[in-house]
Amino acid sequence: MKEKWIFTVLIVAAAITALVFIVQGNLNMAVLFMTAIFALSNGYRAISFKEKGFPREAKWMRVMAIVFTILFFVVLALILF
């Protein structure tokens, strides 16, 4: 249960941050935080599917979380350099 709250708080914080950057017009940072949202939500779904007994779906969501985590760092590198 504590894990669910942690993921929820992180996803909400990333979503609010993305909305703030959209309003400011800084779309690069907004995309960065949107990829963070996707990585976090897919990671949580992977854990949830595994707990429910869906190993194939859990593996797929884990792969998607890894892909979005890599994309997060790619976008971060593009912003910084």
PDB file of N, CA and C in Angstrom:
ATOM      1  N   MET A   1       0.815  -1.193   0.000  1.00  0.00           N
ATOM      2  CA  MET A   1       0.000   0.000   0.000  1.00  0.00           C
ATOM      3  C   MET A   1       0.862   1.261   0.000  1.00  0.00           C
ATOM      4  N   LYS A   2       1.946   1.227   0.770  1.00  0.00           N
ATOM      5  CA  LYS A   2       2.845   2.380   0.822  1.00  0.00           C
ATOM      6  C   LYS A   2       3.479   2.626  -0.551  1.00  0.00           C
ATOM      7  N   GLU A   3       3.782   1.529  -1.263  1.00  0.00           N
ATOM      8  CA  GLU A   3       4.363   1.636  -2.592  1.00  0.00           C
ATOM      9  C   GLU A   3       3.417   2.355  -3.559  1.00  0.00           C
ATOM     10  N   LYS A   4       2.131   2.082  -3.437  1.00  0.00           N
ATOM     11  CA  LYS A   4       1.135   2.724  -4.295  1.00  0.00           C
ATOM     12  C   LYS A   4       1.102   4.233  -4.055  1.00  0.00           C
ATOM     13  N   TRP A   5       1.174   4.638  -2.805  1.00  0.00           N
ATOM     14  CA  TRP A   5       1.176   6.057  -2.484  1.00  0.00           C
ATOM     15  C   TRP A   5       2.417   6.760  -3.010  1.00  0.00           C
ATOM     16  N   ILE A   6       3.545   6.101  -2.916  1.00  0.00           N
ATOM     17  CA  ILE A   6       4.789   6.698  -3.408  1.00  0.00           C
ATOM     18  C   ILE A   6       4.704   6.923  -4.911  1.00  0.00           C
ATOM     19  N   PHE A   7       4.251   5.899  -5.641  1.00  0.00           N
ATOM     20  CA  PHE A   7       4.109   6.056  -7.088  1.00  0.00           C
ATOM     21  C   PHE A   7       3.096   7.141  -7.429  1.00  0.00           C
ATOM     22  N   THR A   8       1.997   7.189  -6.683  1.00  0.00           N
ATOM     23  CA  THR A   8       0.967   8.197  -6.946  1.00  0.00           C
ATOM     24  C   THR A   8       1.501   9.603  -6.738  1.00  0.00           C
ATOM     25  N   VAL A   9       2.224   9.808  -5.663  1.00  0.00           N
ATOM     26  CA  VAL A   9       2.781  11.141  -5.379  1.00  0.00           C
ATOM     27  C   VAL A   9       3.796  11.535  -6.452  1.00  0.00           C
ATOM     28  N   LEU A  10       4.644  10.601  -6.862  1.00  0.00           N
ATOM     29  CA  LEU A  10       5.635  10.906  -7.894  1.00  0.00           C
ATOM     30  C   LEU A  10       4.975  11.223  -9.236  1.00  0.00           C
ATOM     31  N   ILE A  11       3.957  10.463  -9.605  1.00  0.00           N
ATOM     32  CA  ILE A  11       3.261  10.706 -10.877  1.00  0.00           C
ATOM     33  C   ILE A  11       2.544  12.044 -10.853  1.00  0.00           C
ATOM     34  N   VAL A  12       1.867  12.354  -9.751  1.00  0.00           N
ATOM     35  CA  VAL A  12       1.164  13.638  -9.643  1.00  0.00           C
ATOM     36  C   VAL A  12       2.158  14.800  -9.667  1.00  0.00           C
ATOM     37  N   ALA A  13       3.283  14.651  -8.989  1.00  0.00           N
ATOM     38  CA  ALA A  13       4.294  15.717  -8.993  1.00  0.00           C
ATOM     39  C   ALA A  13       4.853  15.937 -10.403  1.00  0.00           C
ATOM     40  N   ALA A  14       5.112  14.857 -11.118  1.00  0.00           N
ATOM     41  CA  ALA A  14       5.616  14.985 -12.489  1.00  0.00           C
ATOM     42  C   ALA A  14       4.558  15.602 -13.398  1.00  0.00           C
ATOM     43  N   ALA A  15       3.298  15.248 -13.199  1.00  0.00           N
ATOM     44  CA  ALA A  15       2.226  15.803 -14.030  1.00  0.00           C
ATOM     45  C   ALA A  15       2.049  17.298 -13.785  1.00  0.00           C
ATOM     46  N   ILE A  16       2.084  17.697 -12.534  1.00  0.00           N
ATOM     47  CA  ILE A  16       1.954  19.129 -12.217  1.00  0.00           C
ATOM     48  C   ILE A  16       3.140  19.902 -12.773  1.00  0.00           C
ATOM     49  N   THR A  17       4.321  19.346 -12.650  1.00  0.00           N
ATOM     50  CA  THR A  17       5.514  19.997 -13.189  1.00  0.00           C
ATOM     51  C   THR A  17       5.427  20.123 -14.713  1.00  0.00           C
ATOM     52  N   ALA A  18       4.955  19.081 -15.373  1.00  0.00           N
ATOM     53  CA  ALA A  18       4.796  19.140 -16.832  1.00  0.00           C
ATOM     54  C   ALA A  18       3.787  20.219 -17.221  1.00  0.00           C
ATOM     55  N   LEU A  19       2.686  20.308 -16.482  1.00  0.00           N
ATOM     56  CA  LEU A  19       1.691  21.340 -16.785  1.00  0.00           C
ATOM     57  C   LEU A  19       2.250  22.741 -16.579  1.00  0.00           C
ATOM     58  N   VAL A  20       3.045  22.917 -15.546  1.00  0.00           N
ATOM     59  CA  VAL A  20       3.657  24.225 -15.302  1.00  0.00           C
ATOM     60  C   VAL A  20       4.568  24.612 -16.469  1.00  0.00           C
ATOM     61  N   PHE A  21       5.366  23.659 -16.948  1.00  0.00           N
ATOM     62  CA  PHE A  21       6.257  23.979 -18.062  1.00  0.00           C
ATOM     63  C   PHE A  21       5.489  24.191 -19.365  1.00  0.00           C
ATOM     64  N   ILE A  22       4.359  23.536 -19.534  1.00  0.00           N
ATOM     65  CA  ILE A  22       3.525  23.784 -20.718  1.00  0.00           C
ATOM     66  C   ILE A  22       2.987  25.206 -20.684  1.00  0.00           C
ATOM     67  N   VAL A  23       2.508  25.628 -19.530  1.00  0.00           N
ATOM     68  CA  VAL A  23       1.978  26.991 -19.393  1.00  0.00           C
ATOM     69  C   VAL A  23       3.080  28.017 -19.618  1.00  0.00           C
ATOM     70  N   GLN A  24       4.284  27.734 -19.143  1.00  0.00           N
ATOM     71  CA  GLN A  24       5.406  28.653 -19.330  1.00  0.00           C
ATOM     72  C   GLN A  24       5.904  28.664 -20.769  1.00  0.00           C
ATOM     73  N   GLY A  25       5.560  27.632 -21.533  1.00  0.00           N
ATOM     74  CA  GLY A  25       6.003  27.560 -22.920  1.00  0.00           C
ATOM     75  C   GLY A  25       7.315  26.827 -23.104  1.00  0.00           C
ATOM     76  N   ASN A  26       7.812  26.197 -22.069  1.00  0.00           N
ATOM     77  CA  ASN A  26       9.065  25.443 -22.146  1.00  0.00           C
ATOM     78  C   ASN A  26       8.717  23.981 -22.458  1.00  0.00           C
ATOM     79  N   LEU A  27       8.505  23.690 -23.732  1.00  0.00           N
ATOM     80  CA  LEU A  27       8.025  22.369 -24.131  1.00  0.00           C
ATOM     81  C   LEU A  27       9.077  21.283 -23.979  1.00  0.00           C
ATOM     82  N   ASN A  28      10.351  21.642 -24.040  1.00  0.00           N
ATOM     83  CA  ASN A  28      11.390  20.629 -23.834  1.00  0.00           C
ATOM     84  C   ASN A  28      11.302  20.031 -22.426  1.00  0.00           C
ATOM     85  N   MET A  29      11.167  20.880 -21.437  1.00  0.00           N
ATOM     86  CA  MET A  29      11.049  20.390 -20.068  1.00  0.00           C
ATOM     87  C   MET A  29       9.725  19.668 -19.855  1.00  0.00           C
ATOM     88  N   ALA A  30       8.673  20.127 -20.522  1.00  0.00           N
ATOM     89  CA  ALA A  30       7.377  19.455 -20.405  1.00  0.00           C
ATOM     90  C   ALA A  30       7.463  18.025 -20.949  1.00  0.00           C
ATOM     91  N   VAL A  31       8.130  17.862 -22.069  1.00  0.00           N
ATOM     92  CA  VAL A  31       8.311  16.517 -22.637  1.00  0.00           C
ATOM     93  C   VAL A  31       9.156  15.656 -21.703  1.00  0.00           C
ATOM     94  N   LEU A  32      10.161  16.238 -21.092  1.00  0.00           N
ATOM     95  CA  LEU A  32      10.992  15.503 -20.143  1.00  0.00           C
ATOM     96  C   LEU A  32      10.145  14.932 -19.006  1.00  0.00           C
ATOM     97  N   PHE A  33       9.284  15.755 -18.430  1.00  0.00           N
ATOM     98  CA  PHE A  33       8.478  15.284 -17.319  1.00  0.00           C
ATOM     99  C   PHE A  33       7.341  14.370 -17.776  1.00  0.00           C
ATOM    100  N   MET A  34       6.885  14.519 -19.006  1.00  0.00           N
ATOM    101  CA  MET A  34       5.877  13.577 -19.515  1.00  0.00           C
ATOM    102  C   MET A  34       6.481  12.189 -19.714  1.00  0.00           C
ATOM    103  N   THR A  35       7.728  12.130 -20.148  1.00  0.00           N
ATOM    104  CA  THR A  35       8.375  10.813 -20.241  1.00  0.00           C
ATOM    105  C   THR A  35       8.580  10.218 -18.853  1.00  0.00           C
ATOM    106  N   ALA A  36       8.815  11.071 -17.861  1.00  0.00           N
ATOM    107  CA  ALA A  36       8.914  10.576 -16.482  1.00  0.00           C
ATOM    108  C   ALA A  36       7.575   9.999 -16.026  1.00  0.00           C
ATOM    109  N   ILE A  37       6.477  10.653 -16.394  1.00  0.00           N
ATOM    110  CA  ILE A  37       5.148  10.134 -16.056  1.00  0.00           C
ATOM    111  C   ILE A  37       4.944   8.761 -16.658  1.00  0.00           C
ATOM    112  N   PHE A  38       5.286   8.600 -17.941  1.00  0.00           N
ATOM    113  CA  PHE A  38       5.106   7.310 -18.615  1.00  0.00           C
ATOM    114  C   PHE A  38       5.981   6.233 -17.984  1.00  0.00           C
ATOM    115  N   ALA A  39       7.210   6.574 -17.643  1.00  0.00           N
ATOM    116  CA  ALA A  39       8.109   5.591 -17.025  1.00  0.00           C
ATOM    117  C   ALA A  39       7.572   5.150 -15.658  1.00  0.00           C
ATOM    118  N   LEU A  40       7.125   6.099 -14.858  1.00  0.00           N
ATOM    119  CA  LEU A  40       6.605   5.770 -13.537  1.00  0.00           C
ATOM    120  C   LEU A  40       5.309   4.969 -13.613  1.00  0.00           C
ATOM    121  N   SER A  41       4.400   5.388 -14.487  1.00  0.00           N
ATOM    122  CA  SER A  41       3.119   4.682 -14.568  1.00  0.00           C
ATOM    123  C   SER A  41       3.292   3.272 -15.122  1.00  0.00           C
ATOM    124  N   ASN A  42       4.156   3.098 -16.100  1.00  0.00           N
ATOM    125  CA  ASN A  42       4.398   1.749 -16.622  1.00  0.00           C
ATOM    126  C   ASN A  42       5.131   0.884 -15.600  1.00  0.00           C
ATOM    127  N   GLY A  43       6.009   1.465 -14.823  1.00  0.00           N
ATOM    128  CA  GLY A  43       6.674   0.715 -13.760  1.00  0.00           C
ATOM    129  C   GLY A  43       5.691   0.242 -12.713  1.00  0.00           C
ATOM    130  N   TYR A  44       4.772   1.112 -12.337  1.00  0.00           N
ATOM    131  CA  TYR A  44       3.756   0.712 -11.366  1.00  0.00           C
ATOM    132  C   TYR A  44       2.840  -0.365 -11.936  1.00  0.00           C
ATOM    133  N   ARG A  45       2.471  -0.218 -13.200  1.00  0.00           N
ATOM    134  CA  ARG A  45       1.611  -1.230 -13.818  1.00  0.00           C
ATOM    135  C   ARG A  45       2.305  -2.577 -13.898  1.00  0.00           C
ATOM    136  N   ALA A  46       3.611  -2.570 -14.130  1.00  0.00           N
ATOM    137  CA  ALA A  46       4.360  -3.830 -14.162  1.00  0.00           C
ATOM    138  C   ALA A  46       4.295  -4.523 -12.804  1.00  0.00           C
ATOM    139  N   ILE A  47       4.486  -3.765 -11.751  1.00  0.00           N
ATOM    140  CA  ILE A  47       4.403  -4.336 -10.401  1.00  0.00           C
ATOM    141  C   ILE A  47       2.990  -4.845 -10.125  1.00  0.00           C
ATOM    142  N   SER A  48       2.003  -4.057 -10.516  1.00  0.00           N
ATOM    143  CA  SER A  48       0.616  -4.431 -10.285  1.00  0.00           C
ATOM    144  C   SER A  48       0.242  -5.704 -11.045  1.00  0.00           C
ATOM    145  N   PHE A  49       0.651  -5.801 -12.306  1.00  0.00           N
ATOM    146  CA  PHE A  49       0.339  -6.998 -13.092  1.00  0.00           C
ATOM    147  C   PHE A  49       1.015  -8.228 -12.506  1.00  0.00           C
ATOM    148  N   LYS A  50       2.242  -8.068 -12.030  1.00  0.00           N
ATOM    149  CA  LYS A  50       2.952  -9.206 -11.444  1.00  0.00           C
ATOM    150  C   LYS A  50       2.241  -9.697 -10.184  1.00  0.00           C
ATOM    151  N   GLU A  51       1.778  -8.754  -9.364  1.00  0.00           N
ATOM    152  CA  GLU A  51       1.063  -9.132  -8.147  1.00  0.00           C
ATOM    153  C   GLU A  51      -0.254  -9.833  -8.449  1.00  0.00           C
ATOM    154  N   LYS A  52      -0.892  -9.457  -9.562  1.00  0.00           N
ATOM    155  CA  LYS A  52      -2.180 -10.051  -9.933  1.00  0.00           C
ATOM    156  C   LYS A  52      -2.028 -11.386 -10.654  1.00  0.00           C
ATOM    157  N   GLY A  53      -0.793 -11.754 -10.983  1.00  0.00           N
ATOM    158  CA  GLY A  53      -0.560 -13.042 -11.621  1.00  0.00           C
ATOM    159  C   GLY A  53      -0.564 -13.006 -13.128  1.00  0.00           C
ATOM    160  N   PHE A  54      -0.191 -11.880 -13.713  1.00  0.00           N
ATOM    161  CA  PHE A  54      -0.097 -11.745 -15.166  1.00  0.00           C
ATOM    162  C   PHE A  54       1.369 -11.538 -15.554  1.00  0.00           C
ATOM    163  N   PRO A  55       2.149 -12.597 -15.651  1.00  0.00           N
ATOM    164  CA  PRO A  55       3.598 -12.421 -15.877  1.00  0.00           C
ATOM    165  C   PRO A  55       3.934 -11.857 -17.256  1.00  0.00           C
ATOM    166  N   ARG A  56       3.189 -12.233 -18.285  1.00  0.00           N
ATOM    167  CA  ARG A  56       3.502 -11.716 -19.629  1.00  0.00           C
ATOM    168  C   ARG A  56       3.231 -10.217 -19.714  1.00  0.00           C
ATOM    169  N   GLU A  57       2.102  -9.794 -19.163  1.00  0.00           N
ATOM    170  CA  GLU A  57       1.775  -8.369 -19.175  1.00  0.00           C
ATOM    171  C   GLU A  57       2.753  -7.578 -18.307  1.00  0.00           C
ATOM    172  N   ALA A  58       3.166  -8.180 -17.183  1.00  0.00           N
ATOM    173  CA  ALA A  58       4.136  -7.519 -16.302  1.00  0.00           C
ATOM    174  C   ALA A  58       5.474  -7.330 -17.014  1.00  0.00           C
ATOM    175  N   LYS A  59       5.882  -8.342 -17.761  1.00  0.00           N
ATOM    176  CA  LYS A  59       7.146  -8.241 -18.500  1.00  0.00           C
ATOM    177  C   LYS A  59       7.056  -7.142 -19.552  1.00  0.00           C
ATOM    178  N   TRP A  60       5.930  -7.069 -20.260  1.00  0.00           N
ATOM    179  CA  TRP A  60       5.737  -6.047 -21.289  1.00  0.00           C
ATOM    180  C   TRP A  60       5.773  -4.644 -20.672  1.00  0.00           C
ATOM    181  N   MET A  61       5.097  -4.453 -19.567  1.00  0.00           N
ATOM    182  CA  MET A  61       5.089  -3.146 -18.910  1.00  0.00           C
ATOM    183  C   MET A  61       6.469  -2.802 -18.370  1.00  0.00           C
ATOM    184  N   ARG A  62       7.207  -3.784 -17.890  1.00  0.00           N
ATOM    185  CA  ARG A  62       8.570  -3.536 -17.412  1.00  0.00           C
ATOM    186  C   ARG A  62       9.456  -3.061 -18.553  1.00  0.00           C
ATOM    187  N   VAL A  63       9.320  -3.707 -19.718  1.00  0.00           N
ATOM    188  CA  VAL A  63      10.100  -3.295 -20.894  1.00  0.00           C
ATOM    189  C   VAL A  63       9.731  -1.871 -21.299  1.00  0.00           C
ATOM    190  N   MET A  64       8.436  -1.560 -21.274  1.00  0.00           N
ATOM    191  CA  MET A  64       8.009  -0.205 -21.635  1.00  0.00           C
ATOM    192  C   MET A  64       8.529   0.824 -20.620  1.00  0.00           C
ATOM    193  N   ALA A  65       8.558   0.467 -19.349  1.00  0.00           N
ATOM    194  CA  ALA A  65       9.097   1.374 -18.333  1.00  0.00           C
ATOM    195  C   ALA A  65      10.585   1.619 -18.575  1.00  0.00           C
ATOM    196  N   ILE A  66      11.301   0.568 -18.941  1.00  0.00           N
ATOM    197  CA  ILE A  66      12.733   0.715 -19.230  1.00  0.00           C
ATOM    198  C   ILE A  66      12.948   1.598 -20.447  1.00  0.00           C
ATOM    199  N   VAL A  67      12.124   1.413 -21.485  1.00  0.00           N
ATOM    200  CA  VAL A  67      12.233   2.232 -22.699  1.00  0.00           C
ATOM    201  C   VAL A  67      12.002   3.703 -22.364  1.00  0.00           C
ATOM    202  N   PHE A  68      10.959   3.992 -21.584  1.00  0.00           N
ATOM    203  CA  PHE A  68      10.688   5.386 -21.246  1.00  0.00           C
ATOM    204  C   PHE A  68      11.738   5.970 -20.295  1.00  0.00           C
ATOM    205  N   THR A  69      12.342   5.136 -19.479  1.00  0.00           N
ATOM    206  CA  THR A  69      13.440   5.614 -18.632  1.00  0.00           C
ATOM    207  C   THR A  69      14.644   6.001 -19.486  1.00  0.00           C
ATOM    208  N   ILE A  70      14.952   5.180 -20.477  1.00  0.00           N
ATOM    209  CA  ILE A  70      16.047   5.506 -21.401  1.00  0.00           C
ATOM    210  C   ILE A  70      15.723   6.788 -22.160  1.00  0.00           C
ATOM    211  N   LEU A  71      14.475   6.901 -22.631  1.00  0.00           N
ATOM    212  CA  LEU A  71      14.075   8.114 -23.345  1.00  0.00           C
ATOM    213  C   LEU A  71      14.139   9.351 -22.444  1.00  0.00           C
ATOM    214  N   PHE A  72      13.840   9.175 -21.165  1.00  0.00           N
ATOM    215  CA  PHE A  72      13.958  10.287 -20.217  1.00  0.00           C
ATOM    216  C   PHE A  72      15.382  10.824 -20.215  1.00  0.00           C
ATOM    217  N   PHE A  73      16.354   9.922 -20.134  1.00  0.00           N
ATOM    218  CA  PHE A  73      17.751  10.361 -20.094  1.00  0.00           C
ATOM    219  C   PHE A  73      18.224  10.902 -21.450  1.00  0.00           C
ATOM    220  N   VAL A  74      17.659  10.385 -22.542  1.00  0.00           N
ATOM    221  CA  VAL A  74      17.978  10.929 -23.864  1.00  0.00           C
ATOM    222  C   VAL A  74      17.475  12.365 -23.977  1.00  0.00           C
ATOM    223  N   VAL A  75      16.237  12.604 -23.568  1.00  0.00           N
ATOM    224  CA  VAL A  75      15.688  13.957 -23.616  1.00  0.00           C
ATOM    225  C   VAL A  75      16.456  14.876 -22.677  1.00  0.00           C
ATOM    226  N   LEU A  76      16.815  14.382 -21.502  1.00  0.00           N
ATOM    227  CA  LEU A  76      17.612  15.181 -20.566  1.00  0.00           C
ATOM    228  C   LEU A  76      18.959  15.557 -21.174  1.00  0.00           C
ATOM    229  N   ALA A  77      19.592  14.621 -21.837  1.00  0.00           N
ATOM    230  CA  ALA A  77      20.878  14.905 -22.481  1.00  0.00           C
ATOM    231  C   ALA A  77      20.705  15.926 -23.597  1.00  0.00           C
ATOM    232  N   LEU A  78      19.630  15.827 -24.359  1.00  0.00           N
ATOM    233  CA  LEU A  78      19.384  16.791 -25.434  1.00  0.00           C
ATOM    234  C   LEU A  78      19.131  18.194 -24.875  1.00  0.00           C
ATOM    235  N   ILE A  79      18.486  18.268 -23.736  1.00  0.00           N
ATOM    236  CA  ILE A  79      18.227  19.570 -23.128  1.00  0.00           C
ATOM    237  C   ILE A  79      19.516  20.184 -22.593  1.00  0.00           C
ATOM    238  N   LEU A  80      20.346  19.349 -21.962  1.00  0.00           N
ATOM    239  CA  LEU A  80      21.551  19.867 -21.318  1.00  0.00           C
ATOM    240  C   LEU A  80      22.666  20.199 -22.312  1.00  0.00           C
ATOM    241  N   PHE A  81      22.728  19.485 -23.441  1.00  0.00           N
ATOM    242  CA  PHE A  81      23.837  19.708 -24.372  1.00  0.00           C
ATOM    243  C   PHE A  81      23.413  20.281 -25.665  1.00  0.00           C
TER     244      PHE A  81
END
